[in-house]
N, C-alpha and C. Protein backbone atom coordinates (compact mmCIF):
# COMPACT_ATOMS: atom_id res chain seq x y z
N LYS A 1 129.44 134.36 41.67
CA LYS A 1 129.72 133.05 41.47
C LYS A 1 128.56 132.67 39.96
N LYS A 2 129.00 131.80 39.41
CA LYS A 2 128.71 131.74 38.05
C LYS A 2 127.15 130.89 37.87
N ASN A 3 127.66 129.48 38.86
CA ASN A 3 126.41 128.71 38.64
C ASN A 3 125.76 128.29 40.03
N ALA A 4 124.59 128.49 40.32
CA ALA A 4 124.37 127.99 41.86
C ALA A 4 124.90 126.55 42.62
N GLY A 5 124.92 126.78 43.20
CA GLY A 5 125.33 125.35 43.84
C GLY A 5 127.06 124.79 43.73
N ASP A 6 127.54 125.72 42.87
CA ASP A 6 129.03 125.44 42.81
C ASP A 6 129.76 125.76 44.25
N ARG A 7 131.32 125.34 44.58
CA ARG A 7 131.61 125.96 45.89
C ARG A 7 133.17 126.03 45.46
N TYR A 8 133.86 126.93 46.00
CA TYR A 8 134.73 127.02 45.98
C TYR A 8 135.50 127.51 46.90
N THR A 9 136.77 126.74 47.64
CA THR A 9 137.25 126.94 48.78
C THR A 9 138.77 127.08 48.47
N ILE A 10 139.28 127.69 49.27
CA ILE A 10 140.95 128.05 49.69
C ILE A 10 141.37 127.54 50.85
N SER A 11 142.69 126.92 50.66
CA SER A 11 143.38 126.78 51.87
C SER A 11 144.97 126.97 51.66
N ARG A 12 145.16 127.12 52.59
CA ARG A 12 146.77 127.33 52.92
C ARG A 12 147.61 126.05 52.27
N LYS A 13 148.83 125.97 51.29
CA LYS A 13 149.15 124.81 51.41
C LYS A 13 150.51 125.07 51.52
N ASP A 14 151.18 126.06 51.31
CA ASP A 14 152.09 126.63 52.19
C ASP A 14 152.67 127.74 52.48
N ASP A 15 154.03 127.91 52.99
CA ASP A 15 154.36 129.83 52.70
C ASP A 15 153.53 130.73 51.85
N ALA A 16 154.09 129.62 50.28
CA ALA A 16 153.73 130.49 49.01
C ALA A 16 152.80 130.25 48.61
N HIS A 17 152.05 128.70 48.62
CA HIS A 17 151.02 128.76 48.06
C HIS A 17 149.60 128.50 48.60
N TYR A 18 148.92 128.31 47.63
CA TYR A 18 147.55 127.87 47.86
C TYR A 18 146.50 126.87 47.46
N MET A 19 146.14 126.00 48.19
CA MET A 19 145.14 124.90 47.25
C MET A 19 143.56 125.51 46.95
N VAL A 20 143.33 125.30 46.02
CA VAL A 20 141.83 125.88 45.30
C VAL A 20 141.34 125.05 45.45
N ARG A 21 140.32 124.40 45.60
CA ARG A 21 139.24 123.53 45.25
C ARG A 21 137.81 123.92 44.63
N MET A 22 137.72 123.95 43.52
CA MET A 22 136.43 123.79 42.97
C MET A 22 135.43 122.87 42.63
N LYS A 23 134.59 122.65 43.53
CA LYS A 23 133.71 121.69 43.32
C LYS A 23 132.61 122.14 42.14
N MET A 24 132.08 121.56 41.21
CA MET A 24 131.26 122.13 40.17
C MET A 24 129.94 121.17 40.57
N HIS A 25 128.65 121.75 40.74
CA HIS A 25 127.44 120.98 41.70
C HIS A 25 126.54 120.48 40.27
N ARG A 26 126.69 120.88 39.20
CA ARG A 26 126.05 120.27 37.97
C ARG A 26 126.67 119.46 37.41
N VAL A 27 127.52 119.06 37.97
CA VAL A 27 128.75 118.07 36.74
C VAL A 27 129.15 116.90 38.29
N LYS A 28 128.86 117.49 39.80
CA LYS A 28 129.16 116.33 40.71
C LYS A 28 131.04 116.67 40.63
N LYS A 29 131.32 117.00 40.15
CA LYS A 29 132.99 117.11 40.08
C LYS A 29 133.56 118.21 40.90
N ALA A 30 134.71 117.84 41.66
CA ALA A 30 136.01 118.63 41.75
C ALA A 30 137.11 118.59 41.92
N SER A 31 137.68 119.56 41.52
CA SER A 31 138.61 119.89 41.01
C SER A 31 139.84 120.55 41.82
N ASN A 32 141.59 119.81 42.24
CA ASN A 32 142.22 120.71 43.14
C ASN A 32 143.07 121.16 42.56
N PHE A 33 143.73 122.80 42.56
CA PHE A 33 144.52 123.40 41.76
C PHE A 33 145.45 124.14 42.68
N ILE A 34 146.43 124.20 42.45
CA ILE A 34 147.63 124.77 43.13
C ILE A 34 147.67 126.23 42.53
N ALA A 35 147.71 127.66 43.94
CA ALA A 35 147.79 128.98 43.21
C ALA A 35 148.83 129.51 43.93
N PHE A 36 149.15 130.83 43.21
CA PHE A 36 149.96 131.92 44.53
C PHE A 36 149.27 133.20 44.24
N MET A 37 150.06 134.53 44.92
CA MET A 37 149.26 135.46 44.79
C MET A 37 150.52 136.39 44.06
N SER A 38 149.95 137.10 43.28
CA SER A 38 150.79 138.11 42.34
C SER A 38 150.34 139.51 42.77
N GLU A 39 151.19 140.63 42.48
CA GLU A 39 150.32 141.92 42.92
C GLU A 39 151.17 142.72 41.28
N VAL A 40 150.07 143.34 40.51
CA VAL A 40 150.15 144.08 39.38
C VAL A 40 149.49 145.40 40.15
N ASP A 41 150.09 146.74 39.96
CA ASP A 41 149.66 147.97 39.85
C ASP A 41 148.87 148.27 41.34
N ASN A 42 149.34 147.47 42.63
CA ASN A 42 148.94 147.71 43.30
C ASN A 42 147.09 146.62 43.56
N ALA A 43 146.76 146.00 42.54
CA ALA A 43 145.75 144.89 42.07
C ALA A 43 146.84 143.67 42.85
N THR A 44 145.62 142.43 43.59
CA THR A 44 146.16 141.35 43.63
C THR A 44 145.69 140.48 42.96
N PHE A 45 146.19 139.25 42.63
CA PHE A 45 145.77 138.63 41.84
C PHE A 45 146.00 137.17 42.41
N LEU A 46 145.33 136.20 42.41
CA LEU A 46 145.29 134.35 42.80
C LEU A 46 145.33 134.14 41.16
N ASN A 47 146.86 133.45 41.19
CA ASN A 47 147.21 133.19 39.66
C ASN A 47 147.10 131.80 40.12
N ILE A 48 145.73 130.65 39.34
CA ILE A 48 145.82 129.42 39.86
C ILE A 48 146.13 128.50 38.18
N HIS A 49 147.07 127.64 38.78
CA HIS A 49 147.67 126.71 37.77
C HIS A 49 146.33 125.52 37.55
N TYR A 50 146.34 126.07 36.26
CA TYR A 50 145.05 124.65 35.43
C TYR A 50 146.14 123.76 34.45
N LYS A 51 146.10 122.44 34.79
CA LYS A 51 146.53 121.61 33.98
C LYS A 51 145.21 120.70 33.68
N GLU A 52 144.77 120.09 32.29
CA GLU A 52 143.80 119.27 32.11
C GLU A 52 143.96 119.10 30.48
N ASP A 53 144.31 117.94 30.02
CA ASP A 53 144.96 117.24 29.03
C ASP A 53 145.47 117.85 28.02
N SER A 54 145.13 118.30 27.37
CA SER A 54 146.21 119.81 26.52
C SER A 54 146.62 120.61 27.39
N THR A 55 145.68 121.09 27.83
CA THR A 55 145.67 122.48 28.67
C THR A 55 146.26 122.70 29.38
N ASP A 56 147.32 123.91 29.68
CA ASP A 56 148.10 124.45 31.00
C ASP A 56 148.79 125.73 31.27
N GLY A 57 148.46 126.07 32.15
CA GLY A 57 148.35 127.63 32.00
C GLY A 57 147.84 128.65 33.49
N TYR A 58 147.16 129.40 33.65
CA TYR A 58 146.90 130.02 34.66
C TYR A 58 145.76 130.42 34.67
N LEU A 59 144.63 130.63 35.37
CA LEU A 59 143.67 131.41 35.38
C LEU A 59 144.17 132.26 36.07
N LEU A 60 143.62 133.75 35.79
CA LEU A 60 144.02 134.55 36.66
C LEU A 60 142.58 135.38 37.11
N MET A 61 142.90 135.75 39.25
CA MET A 61 141.57 135.97 39.52
C MET A 61 142.19 137.39 40.22
N ARG A 62 141.66 138.48 40.01
CA ARG A 62 142.02 139.57 40.51
C ARG A 62 141.14 139.86 42.16
N ILE A 63 141.63 139.84 43.44
CA ILE A 63 140.81 140.18 44.03
C ILE A 63 140.42 141.35 44.54
N LEU A 64 139.11 141.37 44.69
CA LEU A 64 138.60 142.58 45.01
C LEU A 64 138.10 142.78 46.44
N GLU A 65 137.94 141.29 46.99
CA GLU A 65 137.97 141.91 48.57
C GLU A 65 138.11 140.88 49.77
N ILE A 66 139.03 141.08 50.46
CA ILE A 66 139.34 139.74 51.56
C ILE A 66 138.55 140.15 52.76
N ASP A 67 137.36 138.90 53.44
CA ASP A 67 136.92 139.39 54.28
C ASP A 67 138.06 139.62 55.48
N PRO A 68 137.72 140.93 56.89
CA PRO A 68 138.50 141.12 57.58
C PRO A 68 138.74 139.74 58.67
N ALA A 69 137.82 138.78 58.52
CA ALA A 69 138.09 137.65 59.47
C ALA A 69 138.71 136.84 58.88
N GLY A 70 138.82 136.93 57.52
CA GLY A 70 140.03 135.87 56.43
C GLY A 70 138.73 135.03 56.07
N LYS A 71 137.96 135.20 55.80
CA LYS A 71 136.84 133.24 55.97
C LYS A 71 136.23 133.41 54.65
N SER A 72 136.40 134.53 53.85
CA SER A 72 136.21 134.40 52.64
C SER A 72 136.39 135.41 51.71
N VAL A 73 136.89 135.26 50.36
CA VAL A 73 137.75 135.83 49.35
C VAL A 73 136.83 136.38 48.48
N THR A 74 136.77 137.35 47.73
CA THR A 74 135.81 137.65 46.36
C THR A 74 136.90 138.21 45.38
N GLY A 75 136.43 137.41 44.41
CA GLY A 75 137.48 138.00 42.94
C GLY A 75 136.49 138.08 41.88
N THR A 76 137.47 138.50 40.81
CA THR A 76 136.50 138.32 39.27
C THR A 76 137.83 137.67 38.07
N VAL A 77 137.30 137.29 37.48
CA VAL A 77 137.99 136.34 36.56
C VAL A 77 138.59 137.00 34.95
N ALA A 78 139.60 137.17 35.06
CA ALA A 78 140.28 137.90 33.86
C ALA A 78 140.07 136.98 32.76
N THR A 79 139.33 137.64 31.87
CA THR A 79 139.07 136.89 30.98
C THR A 79 139.27 137.47 29.51
N ASP A 80 140.34 137.73 29.34
CA ASP A 80 140.91 138.68 28.18
C ASP A 80 141.59 137.31 27.00
N SER A 81 141.15 136.95 25.97
CA SER A 81 141.66 135.97 25.66
C SER A 81 143.16 135.99 24.58
N THR A 82 143.32 137.19 24.52
CA THR A 82 144.84 137.35 24.20
C THR A 82 145.94 137.27 25.49
N LEU A 83 145.19 137.18 26.46
CA LEU A 83 146.46 136.34 27.53
C LEU A 83 147.51 135.25 27.06
N LEU A 84 146.18 134.24 26.48
CA LEU A 84 146.60 133.01 26.08
C LEU A 84 147.69 132.88 25.30
N ASP A 85 147.73 133.74 24.70
CA ASP A 85 149.00 134.51 23.18
C ASP A 85 150.80 134.81 23.80
N LEU A 86 150.39 135.33 24.90
CA LEU A 86 151.36 135.75 25.41
C LEU A 86 152.48 135.14 26.32
N LYS A 87 153.94 135.22 25.73
CA LYS A 87 154.92 134.52 26.08
C LYS A 87 155.67 134.53 27.34
N SER A 88 155.48 135.01 28.12
CA SER A 88 156.21 135.39 29.07
C SER A 88 155.59 136.78 30.09
N SER A 89 155.69 136.29 31.28
CA SER A 89 155.17 136.65 32.66
C SER A 89 155.17 138.17 32.46
N ALA A 90 156.24 138.86 31.94
CA ALA A 90 156.21 140.43 31.84
C ALA A 90 155.28 140.55 31.08
N ALA A 91 155.20 139.63 29.49
CA ALA A 91 153.99 140.23 28.97
C ALA A 91 152.46 140.04 29.58
N VAL A 92 152.43 139.48 30.57
CA VAL A 92 151.25 139.56 31.25
C VAL A 92 150.58 140.32 31.79
N ARG A 93 152.38 140.71 32.51
CA ARG A 93 152.00 141.54 33.91
C ARG A 93 151.53 143.16 33.29
N ALA A 94 152.14 143.30 31.83
CA ALA A 94 152.04 144.75 31.02
C ALA A 94 149.98 144.34 30.62
N ARG A 95 150.17 143.33 30.09
CA ARG A 95 148.56 143.06 29.47
C ARG A 95 147.90 143.60 30.83
N LEU A 96 147.89 143.24 31.66
CA LEU A 96 147.13 143.59 33.12
C LEU A 96 147.47 144.40 33.24
N SER A 97 148.59 144.79 33.54
CA SER A 97 148.53 146.63 33.90
C SER A 97 148.07 147.64 33.19
N ALA A 98 148.11 147.23 31.86
CA ALA A 98 147.03 148.15 30.69
C ALA A 98 145.54 148.00 30.91
N HIS A 99 145.10 147.12 31.27
CA HIS A 99 143.62 146.76 32.23
C HIS A 99 143.17 146.61 33.01
N ILE A 100 143.94 147.04 33.88
CA ILE A 100 144.01 146.72 35.31
C ILE A 100 142.18 146.97 35.62
N ASN A 101 142.00 148.46 35.27
CA ASN A 101 140.05 148.52 35.59
C ASN A 101 139.41 148.51 34.70
N ASP A 102 139.67 148.27 33.62
CA ASP A 102 138.92 148.09 32.23
C ASP A 102 137.71 146.37 32.95
N PRO A 103 136.70 147.02 33.16
CA PRO A 103 135.35 145.92 33.64
C PRO A 103 135.05 145.15 32.29
N GLU A 104 135.33 145.42 31.19
CA GLU A 104 135.15 144.84 29.99
C GLU A 104 136.23 143.47 30.02
N PHE A 105 137.74 143.81 30.19
CA PHE A 105 138.45 142.54 30.83
C PHE A 105 138.24 141.57 31.46
N TYR A 106 137.52 141.72 32.69
CA TYR A 106 136.60 140.50 33.56
C TYR A 106 135.57 139.77 33.57
N SER A 107 135.38 138.89 33.91
CA SER A 107 134.17 138.55 33.75
C SER A 107 133.47 137.67 35.54
N ASP A 108 133.04 136.53 35.56
CA ASP A 108 132.33 136.27 36.67
C ASP A 108 133.10 136.48 37.85
N THR A 109 132.02 136.59 38.71
CA THR A 109 132.31 137.01 40.20
C THR A 109 132.61 135.79 41.22
N VAL A 110 133.16 135.23 41.57
CA VAL A 110 133.76 134.45 42.49
C VAL A 110 133.83 134.56 43.79
N HIS A 111 133.06 134.07 45.01
CA HIS A 111 133.20 134.04 46.56
C HIS A 111 133.96 132.87 46.90
N PHE A 112 135.11 132.87 47.61
CA PHE A 112 135.80 131.91 48.16
C PHE A 112 135.46 131.38 49.13
N ILE A 113 135.35 130.32 50.06
CA ILE A 113 135.60 130.22 51.42
C ILE A 113 136.83 129.53 51.99
N ARG A 114 137.28 130.11 53.04
CA ARG A 114 138.77 129.22 53.86
C ARG A 114 137.96 128.21 54.59
N ILE A 115 139.04 127.40 54.37
CA ILE A 115 138.82 126.05 55.19
C ILE A 115 140.13 126.16 56.07
N LYS A 116 140.24 125.61 56.83
CA LYS A 116 141.27 124.76 57.95
C LYS A 116 142.34 123.66 56.96
């Protein structure tokens, strides 16, 4: 978690989607996003759909750990700026695959808590 006091929660929306709620403590603002899971080279990613103003895309978070009891998820954000220029999901998957274990490809560690 980058900023102390920020809170990230995840809940099941339906069989294929999740609701991600990001509550930013410093600006007292909460945002809700729809997400889905994908697999690339045996790594699981949470694909969070982000749309605000003129920005429409996905935040890609590699899942590092899921609590065995299902109460929390730890992930890291893919921050490679070339992902923004890719025009297809196949190109994104290829870029992720090429850098799947490159620590420079990722940044902030995020901890989600599960809510019912």
